[in-house]
Amino acid sequence: EDMVRFKLPLSSGFSELCEEVAKRFKLVVGTFQLKYQDDDDEWVLLACNADFQECIDVMNFSGGHAIRLSVRDLVTVIGSSSGSCGDMLQC
């Protein structure tokens, strides 16, 4: 598994996050799914600006300074027999 660190301006939204992830991992926007690790150590789907804002709010509330993301290939997610419809949302 590859790991990268990067900073985004506070004014960034979900689309800017997706673009940065795509650039860092040499992916095409729309071909991957993002999840973040919340304060309960659960992986939560990021699918829109509201989700991204919730992610930032959780980080701020817990006193954190970083967001841990999981990047999954959308083909793998859709091909999984255990995935739900909610798992098919994409970046």
C-alpha atoms as a PDB file:
ATOM      1  CA  GLU A   1       0.000   0.000   0.000  1.00  0.00           C
ATOM      2  CA  ASP A   2       1.261   3.436  -0.924  1.00  0.00           C
ATOM      3  CA  MET A   3       1.059   6.267   1.566  1.00  0.00           C
ATOM      4  CA  VAL A   4       1.316   9.974   0.802  1.00  0.00           C
ATOM      5  CA  ARG A   5       0.966  13.192   2.771  1.00  0.00           C
ATOM      6  CA  PHE A   6      -0.255  16.462   1.340  1.00  0.00           C
ATOM      7  CA  LYS A   7      -1.879  19.703   2.402  1.00  0.00           C
ATOM      8  CA  LEU A   8      -5.008  21.307   0.986  1.00  0.00           C
ATOM      9  CA  PRO A   9      -6.093  24.912   1.499  1.00  0.00           C
ATOM     10  CA  LEU A  10      -8.888  25.242   4.069  1.00  0.00           C
ATOM     11  CA  SER A  11     -11.109  26.617   1.304  1.00  0.00           C
ATOM     12  CA  SER A  12     -10.846  23.359  -0.680  1.00  0.00           C
ATOM     13  CA  GLY A  13     -13.896  21.248  -1.375  1.00  0.00           C
ATOM     14  CA  PHE A  14     -14.529  17.647  -2.306  1.00  0.00           C
ATOM     15  CA  SER A  15     -13.652  18.128  -5.983  1.00  0.00           C
ATOM     16  CA  GLU A  16     -10.264  19.644  -5.104  1.00  0.00           C
ATOM     17  CA  LEU A  17      -9.599  16.712  -2.783  1.00  0.00           C
ATOM     18  CA  CYS A  18     -10.436  14.238  -5.560  1.00  0.00           C
ATOM     19  CA  GLU A  19      -8.204  16.094  -8.025  1.00  0.00           C
ATOM     20  CA  GLU A  20      -5.275  16.064  -5.592  1.00  0.00           C
ATOM     21  CA  VAL A  21      -5.702  12.357  -4.843  1.00  0.00           C
ATOM     22  CA  ALA A  22      -5.920  11.607  -8.570  1.00  0.00           C
ATOM     23  CA  LYS A  23      -2.723  13.578  -9.194  1.00  0.00           C
ATOM     24  CA  ARG A  24      -0.801  11.929  -6.351  1.00  0.00           C
ATOM     25  CA  PHE A  25      -1.757   8.372  -7.293  1.00  0.00           C
ATOM     26  CA  LYS A  26      -1.843   8.913 -11.071  1.00  0.00           C
ATOM     27  CA  LEU A  27      -5.552   8.083 -11.240  1.00  0.00           C
ATOM     28  CA  VAL A  28      -8.425   9.492 -13.254  1.00  0.00           C
ATOM     29  CA  VAL A  29     -11.108  11.349 -11.313  1.00  0.00           C
ATOM     30  CA  GLY A  30     -14.210   9.163 -11.355  1.00  0.00           C
ATOM     31  CA  THR A  31     -12.334   5.867 -11.129  1.00  0.00           C
ATOM     32  CA  PHE A  32     -11.837   5.697  -7.359  1.00  0.00           C
ATOM     33  CA  GLN A  33     -13.685   5.955  -4.057  1.00  0.00           C
ATOM     34  CA  LEU A  34     -12.558   7.785  -0.915  1.00  0.00           C
ATOM     35  CA  LYS A  35     -13.272   6.960   2.713  1.00  0.00           C
ATOM     36  CA  TYR A  36     -11.992   8.730   5.823  1.00  0.00           C
ATOM     37  CA  GLN A  37     -11.253   7.331   9.256  1.00  0.00           C
ATOM     38  CA  ASP A  38     -13.493   9.007  11.825  1.00  0.00           C
ATOM     39  CA  ASP A  39     -12.969   9.553  15.550  1.00  0.00           C
ATOM     40  CA  ASP A  40     -14.426   6.083  16.259  1.00  0.00           C
ATOM     41  CA  ASP A  41     -11.867   4.494  13.882  1.00  0.00           C
ATOM     42  CA  GLU A  42     -14.627   3.662  11.401  1.00  0.00           C
ATOM     43  CA  TRP A  43     -14.168   4.172   7.650  1.00  0.00           C
ATOM     44  CA  VAL A  44     -16.801   6.587   6.316  1.00  0.00           C
ATOM     45  CA  LEU A  45     -17.587   7.148   2.632  1.00  0.00           C
ATOM     46  CA  LEU A  46     -16.736  10.549   1.126  1.00  0.00           C
ATOM     47  CA  ALA A  47     -19.042  11.229  -1.824  1.00  0.00           C
ATOM     48  CA  CYS A  48     -19.776  14.974  -1.865  1.00  0.00           C
ATOM     49  CA  ASN A  49     -18.948  18.358  -0.334  1.00  0.00           C
ATOM     50  CA  ALA A  50     -21.287  17.726   2.620  1.00  0.00           C
ATOM     51  CA  ASP A  51     -19.423  14.503   3.451  1.00  0.00           C
ATOM     52  CA  PHE A  52     -16.086  16.309   3.175  1.00  0.00           C
ATOM     53  CA  GLN A  53     -17.311  19.099   5.470  1.00  0.00           C
ATOM     54  CA  GLU A  54     -18.483  16.493   8.005  1.00  0.00           C
ATOM     55  CA  CYS A  55     -15.045  14.884   7.786  1.00  0.00           C
ATOM     56  CA  ILE A  56     -13.371  18.220   8.546  1.00  0.00           C
ATOM     57  CA  ASP A  57     -15.810  18.906  11.391  1.00  0.00           C
ATOM     58  CA  VAL A  58     -15.053  15.495  12.934  1.00  0.00           C
ATOM     59  CA  MET A  59     -11.322  16.183  12.681  1.00  0.00           C
ATOM     60  CA  ASN A  60     -11.673  19.620  14.296  1.00  0.00           C
ATOM     61  CA  PHE A  61     -13.965  18.318  17.059  1.00  0.00           C
ATOM     62  CA  SER A  62     -11.535  15.539  17.948  1.00  0.00           C
ATOM     63  CA  GLY A  63      -8.602  17.974  18.007  1.00  0.00           C
ATOM     64  CA  GLY A  64      -6.893  16.333  15.059  1.00  0.00           C
ATOM     65  CA  HIS A  65      -4.665  17.967  12.478  1.00  0.00           C
ATOM     66  CA  ALA A  66      -4.808  15.347   9.740  1.00  0.00           C
ATOM     67  CA  ILE A  67      -7.366  13.268   7.888  1.00  0.00           C
ATOM     68  CA  ARG A  68      -6.601   9.638   7.088  1.00  0.00           C
ATOM     69  CA  LEU A  69      -8.049   8.578   3.735  1.00  0.00           C
ATOM     70  CA  SER A  70      -8.510   5.243   2.036  1.00  0.00           C
ATOM     71  CA  VAL A  71      -8.434   5.245  -1.774  1.00  0.00           C
ATOM     72  CA  ARG A  72     -10.093   2.291  -3.498  1.00  0.00           C
ATOM     73  CA  ASP A  73     -10.286   1.457  -7.167  1.00  0.00           C
ATOM     74  CA  LEU A  74     -13.921   1.759  -8.217  1.00  0.00           C
ATOM     75  CA  VAL A  75     -13.703  -1.415 -10.334  1.00  0.00           C
ATOM     76  CA  THR A  76     -12.751  -3.357  -7.194  1.00  0.00           C
ATOM     77  CA  VAL A  77     -15.581  -1.772  -5.204  1.00  0.00           C
ATOM     78  CA  ILE A  78     -18.262  -2.421  -7.838  1.00  0.00           C
ATOM     79  CA  GLY A  79     -16.964  -5.938  -8.487  1.00  0.00           C
ATOM     80  CA  SER A  80     -17.275  -6.872  -4.825  1.00  0.00           C
ATOM     81  CA  SER A  81     -20.290  -9.015  -4.031  1.00  0.00           C
ATOM     82  CA  SER A  82     -20.370  -7.641  -0.487  1.00  0.00           C
ATOM     83  CA  GLY A  83     -20.648  -3.976  -1.529  1.00  0.00           C
ATOM     84  CA  SER A  84     -23.883  -2.069  -1.089  1.00  0.00           C
ATOM     85  CA  CYS A  85     -25.283   0.578  -3.426  1.00  0.00           C
ATOM     86  CA  GLY A  86     -23.819   3.223  -1.125  1.00  0.00           C
ATOM     87  CA  ASP A  87     -20.363   1.805  -1.744  1.00  0.00           C
ATOM     88  CA  MET A  88     -20.642   2.593  -5.442  1.00  0.00           C
ATOM     89  CA  LEU A  89     -20.498   6.371  -5.073  1.00  0.00           C
ATOM     90  CA  GLN A  90     -17.360   7.687  -6.666  1.00  0.00           C
ATOM     91  CA  CYS A  91     -14.922  10.552  -6.711  1.00  0.00           C
END
